[in-house]
Amino acid sequence: MLPTEMVILLAIAEAGEFGREVLARPMGDVPGEYIGHLYQSLVRRGYLRQSSSRG
């Protein structure tokens, strides 16, 4: 797992929410496009589940 993927998982866990709303918040020097790519990678590998209602 990449360190930036861990940051995404920790941000979701800390916020107590799940979804792209959490990922829309600033995350330092990580561009939004890359965050989206990492999010989809985590979904494909089973770390996150994507639902139609919340992302």
N, C-alpha and C. Protein backbone atom coordinates (compact mmCIF):
# COMPACT_ATOMS: atom_id res chain seq x y z
N MET A 1 0.84 -1.16 0.00
CA MET A 1 0.00 0.00 0.00
C MET A 1 0.90 1.24 0.00
N LEU A 2 0.54 2.20 -0.82
CA LEU A 2 1.29 3.44 -0.90
C LEU A 2 1.00 4.33 0.31
N PRO A 3 1.96 5.14 0.71
CA PRO A 3 1.72 6.04 1.85
C PRO A 3 0.53 6.97 1.63
N THR A 4 0.35 7.46 0.41
CA THR A 4 -0.79 8.35 0.15
C THR A 4 -2.12 7.61 0.25
N GLU A 5 -2.13 6.33 -0.07
CA GLU A 5 -3.35 5.54 0.11
C GLU A 5 -3.68 5.41 1.59
N MET A 6 -2.66 5.25 2.41
CA MET A 6 -2.87 5.17 3.84
C MET A 6 -3.42 6.49 4.37
N VAL A 7 -2.94 7.61 3.83
CA VAL A 7 -3.44 8.92 4.24
C VAL A 7 -4.93 9.04 3.93
N ILE A 8 -5.35 8.55 2.77
CA ILE A 8 -6.77 8.58 2.41
C ILE A 8 -7.59 7.75 3.38
N LEU A 9 -7.14 6.54 3.66
CA LEU A 9 -7.87 5.69 4.60
C LEU A 9 -7.94 6.30 5.99
N LEU A 10 -6.86 6.90 6.43
CA LEU A 10 -6.85 7.54 7.75
C LEU A 10 -7.77 8.76 7.78
N ALA A 11 -7.82 9.52 6.70
CA ALA A 11 -8.70 10.69 6.65
C ALA A 11 -10.16 10.26 6.74
N ILE A 12 -10.52 9.18 6.05
CA ILE A 12 -11.89 8.67 6.11
C ILE A 12 -12.19 8.15 7.51
N ALA A 13 -11.26 7.42 8.11
CA ALA A 13 -11.47 6.87 9.45
C ALA A 13 -11.59 7.98 10.49
N GLU A 14 -10.76 8.98 10.39
CA GLU A 14 -10.79 10.08 11.36
C GLU A 14 -12.05 10.92 11.24
N ALA A 15 -12.51 11.12 10.01
CA ALA A 15 -13.71 11.93 9.79
C ALA A 15 -14.97 11.20 10.22
N GLY A 16 -14.89 9.88 10.30
CA GLY A 16 -16.07 9.09 10.66
C GLY A 16 -17.11 9.07 9.56
N GLU A 17 -16.68 9.42 8.36
CA GLU A 17 -17.56 9.44 7.21
C GLU A 17 -16.92 8.60 6.11
N PHE A 18 -17.74 8.29 5.15
CA PHE A 18 -17.22 7.57 4.00
C PHE A 18 -17.71 8.28 2.76
N GLY A 19 -16.84 8.57 1.87
CA GLY A 19 -17.28 9.15 0.61
C GLY A 19 -16.30 10.16 0.06
N ARG A 20 -16.64 10.61 -1.09
CA ARG A 20 -15.78 11.56 -1.78
C ARG A 20 -15.76 12.92 -1.11
N GLU A 21 -16.75 13.20 -0.24
CA GLU A 21 -16.77 14.49 0.46
C GLU A 21 -15.49 14.64 1.29
N VAL A 22 -15.09 13.56 1.93
CA VAL A 22 -13.87 13.58 2.74
C VAL A 22 -12.66 13.83 1.85
N LEU A 23 -12.64 13.23 0.68
CA LEU A 23 -11.50 13.34 -0.21
C LEU A 23 -11.44 14.70 -0.90
N ALA A 24 -12.53 15.45 -0.88
CA ALA A 24 -12.54 16.77 -1.50
C ALA A 24 -11.80 17.80 -0.64
N ARG A 25 -11.55 17.46 0.61
CA ARG A 25 -10.84 18.37 1.51
C ARG A 25 -9.36 18.41 1.13
N PRO A 26 -8.71 19.53 1.39
CA PRO A 26 -7.27 19.63 1.04
C PRO A 26 -6.43 18.58 1.77
N MET A 27 -5.49 17.98 1.03
CA MET A 27 -4.59 16.97 1.61
C MET A 27 -3.15 17.31 1.27
N GLY A 28 -2.74 18.49 1.65
CA GLY A 28 -1.35 18.88 1.45
C GLY A 28 -1.01 19.05 -0.01
N ASP A 29 0.06 18.41 -0.44
CA ASP A 29 0.57 18.57 -1.80
C ASP A 29 0.02 17.54 -2.79
N VAL A 30 -1.01 16.78 -2.40
CA VAL A 30 -1.54 15.73 -3.26
C VAL A 30 -2.63 16.33 -4.15
N PRO A 31 -2.44 16.33 -5.47
CA PRO A 31 -3.44 16.89 -6.38
C PRO A 31 -4.75 16.09 -6.36
N GLY A 32 -5.85 16.77 -6.60
CA GLY A 32 -7.16 16.14 -6.59
C GLY A 32 -7.30 14.98 -7.57
N GLU A 33 -6.68 15.11 -8.74
CA GLU A 33 -6.77 14.04 -9.74
C GLU A 33 -6.11 12.76 -9.21
N TYR A 34 -5.00 12.93 -8.52
CA TYR A 34 -4.30 11.77 -7.98
C TYR A 34 -5.09 11.14 -6.84
N ILE A 35 -5.75 11.96 -6.04
CA ILE A 35 -6.59 11.43 -4.96
C ILE A 35 -7.71 10.59 -5.56
N GLY A 36 -8.32 11.06 -6.64
CA GLY A 36 -9.37 10.28 -7.31
C GLY A 36 -8.84 8.95 -7.83
N HIS A 37 -7.64 8.98 -8.39
CA HIS A 37 -7.02 7.74 -8.89
C HIS A 37 -6.77 6.77 -7.73
N LEU A 38 -6.25 7.28 -6.62
CA LEU A 38 -5.99 6.43 -5.47
C LEU A 38 -7.28 5.87 -4.89
N TYR A 39 -8.32 6.69 -4.85
CA TYR A 39 -9.62 6.25 -4.34
C TYR A 39 -10.12 5.06 -5.17
N GLN A 40 -10.09 5.19 -6.49
CA GLN A 40 -10.54 4.10 -7.35
C GLN A 40 -9.66 2.86 -7.18
N SER A 41 -8.37 3.05 -6.99
CA SER A 41 -7.47 1.93 -6.76
C SER A 41 -7.83 1.20 -5.47
N LEU A 42 -8.15 1.94 -4.42
CA LEU A 42 -8.55 1.33 -3.15
C LEU A 42 -9.87 0.58 -3.29
N VAL A 43 -10.77 1.10 -4.09
CA VAL A 43 -12.06 0.42 -4.33
C VAL A 43 -11.80 -0.89 -5.07
N ARG A 44 -11.00 -0.84 -6.13
CA ARG A 44 -10.71 -2.04 -6.93
C ARG A 44 -10.06 -3.14 -6.10
N ARG A 45 -9.21 -2.76 -5.17
CA ARG A 45 -8.49 -3.74 -4.36
C ARG A 45 -9.25 -4.15 -3.10
N GLY A 46 -10.43 -3.59 -2.88
CA GLY A 46 -11.27 -4.03 -1.78
C GLY A 46 -11.08 -3.31 -0.46
N TYR A 47 -10.26 -2.27 -0.42
CA TYR A 47 -10.08 -1.53 0.83
C TYR A 47 -11.29 -0.64 1.13
N LEU A 48 -11.95 -0.19 0.07
CA LEU A 48 -13.15 0.65 0.20
C LEU A 48 -14.25 0.05 -0.67
N ARG A 49 -15.48 0.31 -0.26
CA ARG A 49 -16.62 -0.09 -1.08
C ARG A 49 -17.29 1.16 -1.59
N GLN A 50 -17.69 1.12 -2.84
CA GLN A 50 -18.35 2.27 -3.46
C GLN A 50 -19.85 2.00 -3.48
N SER A 51 -20.61 2.97 -2.97
CA SER A 51 -22.08 2.83 -3.03
C SER A 51 -22.62 3.91 -3.93
N SER A 52 -23.79 3.67 -4.47
CA SER A 52 -24.37 4.63 -5.40
C SER A 52 -24.86 5.88 -4.70
N SER A 53 -25.18 5.80 -3.42
CA SER A 53 -25.76 6.95 -2.73
C SER A 53 -24.71 7.94 -2.22
N ARG A 54 -23.54 7.48 -1.81
CA ARG A 54 -22.56 8.38 -1.20
C ARG A 54 -21.20 8.37 -1.85
N GLY A 55 -20.96 7.56 -2.86
CA GLY A 55 -19.66 7.56 -3.50
C GLY A 55 -18.76 6.46 -3.07
